[in-house]
C-alpha atoms as a PDB file:
ATOM      1  CA  MET A   1      51.333 184.991  70.175  1.00  0.00           C
ATOM      2  CA  THR A   2      50.549 183.328  73.517  1.00  0.00           C
ATOM      3  CA  ARG A   3      48.095 185.025  75.939  1.00  0.00           C
ATOM      4  CA  THR A   4      48.878 184.818  79.741  1.00  0.00           C
ATOM      5  CA  SER A   5      46.186 184.239  82.151  1.00  0.00           C
ATOM      6  CA  ARG A   6      45.826 186.005  85.351  1.00  0.00           C
ATOM      7  CA  ARG A   7      47.562 183.133  87.099  1.00  0.00           C
ATOM      8  CA  GLY A   8      50.543 183.540  84.766  1.00  0.00           C
ATOM      9  CA  TRP A   9      50.176 180.398  82.589  1.00  0.00           C
ATOM     10  CA  ALA A  10      49.547 180.207  78.906  1.00  0.00           C
ATOM     11  CA  ALA A  11      45.819 180.678  78.083  1.00  0.00           C
ATOM     12  CA  PRO A  12      44.118 179.324  74.969  1.00  0.00           C
ATOM     13  CA  PRO A  13      43.175 181.744  72.169  1.00  0.00           C
ATOM     14  CA  PRO A  14      39.678 182.894  72.476  1.00  0.00           C
ATOM     15  CA  SER A  15      38.594 181.152  69.265  1.00  0.00           C
ATOM     16  CA  ALA A  16      39.960 177.605  70.917  1.00  0.00           C
ATOM     17  CA  GLU A  17      37.714 178.330  73.781  1.00  0.00           C
ATOM     18  CA  CYS A  18      34.911 179.317  71.648  1.00  0.00           C
ATOM     19  CA  ARG A  19      35.482 176.093  69.614  1.00  0.00           C
ATOM     20  CA  ASP A  20      35.313 173.910  72.655  1.00  0.00           C
ATOM     21  CA  VAL A  21      31.916 175.478  73.609  1.00  0.00           C
ATOM     22  CA  LEU A  22      30.560 174.844  70.107  1.00  0.00           C
ATOM     23  CA  ALA A  23      31.569 171.345  70.013  1.00  0.00           C
ATOM     24  CA  ARG A  24      29.795 170.554  73.075  1.00  0.00           C
ATOM     25  CA  HIS A  25      26.524 172.143  72.187  1.00  0.00           C
ATOM     26  CA  PRO A  26      23.871 169.963  70.660  1.00  0.00           C
ATOM     27  CA  ASP A  27      22.340 172.968  68.561  1.00  0.00           C
ATOM     28  CA  VAL A  28      25.466 173.690  66.598  1.00  0.00           C
ATOM     29  CA  HIS A  29      25.192 172.752  63.095  1.00  0.00           C
ATOM     30  CA  VAL A  30      28.204 174.147  61.019  1.00  0.00           C
ATOM     31  CA  ARG A  31      30.596 172.422  58.690  1.00  0.00           C
ATOM     32  CA  ASP A  32      33.972 173.393  60.249  1.00  0.00           C
ATOM     33  CA  LEU A  33      33.879 174.271  63.988  1.00  0.00           C
ATOM     34  CA  ASP A  34      37.315 175.957  63.725  1.00  0.00           C
ATOM     35  CA  THR A  35      36.276 178.365  61.186  1.00  0.00           C
ATOM     36  CA  ALA A  36      32.952 178.997  62.910  1.00  0.00           C
ATOM     37  CA  ALA A  37      34.835 179.844  66.106  1.00  0.00           C
ATOM     38  CA  GLU A  38      37.291 182.219  64.335  1.00  0.00           C
ATOM     39  CA  LEU A  39      34.474 183.935  62.520  1.00  0.00           C
ATOM     40  CA  ILE A  40      32.397 184.459  65.636  1.00  0.00           C
ATOM     41  CA  VAL A  41      35.265 185.709  67.920  1.00  0.00           C
ATOM     42  CA  PHE A  42      36.399 188.005  65.018  1.00  0.00           C
ATOM     43  CA  THR A  43      32.916 189.362  64.313  1.00  0.00           C
ATOM     44  CA  VAL A  44      31.947 190.116  67.797  1.00  0.00           C
ATOM     45  CA  GLU A  45      35.203 191.688  68.785  1.00  0.00           C
ATOM     46  CA  LEU A  46      35.408 193.795  65.475  1.00  0.00           C
ATOM     47  CA  ASN A  47      31.895 194.912  66.029  1.00  0.00           C
ATOM     48  CA  THR A  48      32.204 195.519  69.755  1.00  0.00           C
ATOM     49  CA  HIS A  49      35.401 197.545  69.481  1.00  0.00           C
ATOM     50  CA  LYS A  50      33.831 199.590  66.546  1.00  0.00           C
ATOM     51  CA  VAL A  51      30.738 200.578  68.697  1.00  0.00           C
ATOM     52  CA  MET A  52      32.950 201.256  71.655  1.00  0.00           C
ATOM     53  CA  ALA A  53      35.046 203.509  69.653  1.00  0.00           C
ATOM     54  CA  ASP A  54      32.194 205.489  68.375  1.00  0.00           C
ATOM     55  CA  PRO A  55      29.059 204.751  70.512  1.00  0.00           C
ATOM     56  CA  ARG A  56      26.860 207.070  68.693  1.00  0.00           C
ATOM     57  CA  THR A  57      26.494 204.774  65.790  1.00  0.00           C
ATOM     58  CA  ILE A  58      24.565 201.967  67.346  1.00  0.00           C
ATOM     59  CA  PRO A  59      23.170 201.641  70.824  1.00  0.00           C
ATOM     60  CA  ALA A  60      24.969 198.803  72.836  1.00  0.00           C
ATOM     61  CA  GLY A  61      21.554 196.966  73.412  1.00  0.00           C
ATOM     62  CA  THR A  62      20.774 196.980  69.609  1.00  0.00           C
ATOM     63  CA  LEU A  63      24.298 195.766  68.714  1.00  0.00           C
ATOM     64  CA  GLU A  64      23.917 192.839  71.410  1.00  0.00           C
ATOM     65  CA  ASN A  65      20.440 191.730  69.989  1.00  0.00           C
ATOM     66  CA  GLU A  66      21.515 191.780  66.396  1.00  0.00           C
ATOM     67  CA  LEU A  67      24.799 189.938  67.066  1.00  0.00           C
ATOM     68  CA  VAL A  68      23.049 187.277  69.176  1.00  0.00           C
ATOM     69  CA  ASP A  69      20.498 186.770  66.360  1.00  0.00           C
ATOM     70  CA  MET A  70      23.083 186.751  63.651  1.00  0.00           C
ATOM     71  CA  VAL A  71      25.322 184.213  65.361  1.00  0.00           C
ATOM     72  CA  THR A  72      22.472 182.042  66.731  1.00  0.00           C
ATOM     73  CA  ARG A  73      21.026 181.617  63.119  1.00  0.00           C
ATOM     74  CA  TYR A  74      24.412 180.915  61.659  1.00  0.00           C
ATOM     75  CA  LEU A  75      25.235 178.286  64.429  1.00  0.00           C
ATOM     76  CA  ARG A  76      21.939 176.602  63.991  1.00  0.00           C
ATOM     77  CA  GLY A  77      22.238 176.264  60.325  1.00  0.00           C
ATOM     78  CA  GLU A  78      19.420 178.504  59.494  1.00  0.00           C
ATOM     79  CA  ARG A  79      20.365 180.009  56.092  1.00  0.00           C
END
């Protein structure tokens, strides 16, 4: 499925945009950029939608902080 930008032309999928950012960042140390981008986009979207559907579960600020910590550690190779 192709997304369309506001200007009407095909836009790259979010994971492709994410991969481009990861490829340029000097602190990213993952084995596979394509997989890392897919995992990050999926994880952030899934958890954001879950909390928005039931905001009583986790406060938005807490979710944001924990997702940032999780993704940052993963990308830096801190296992």
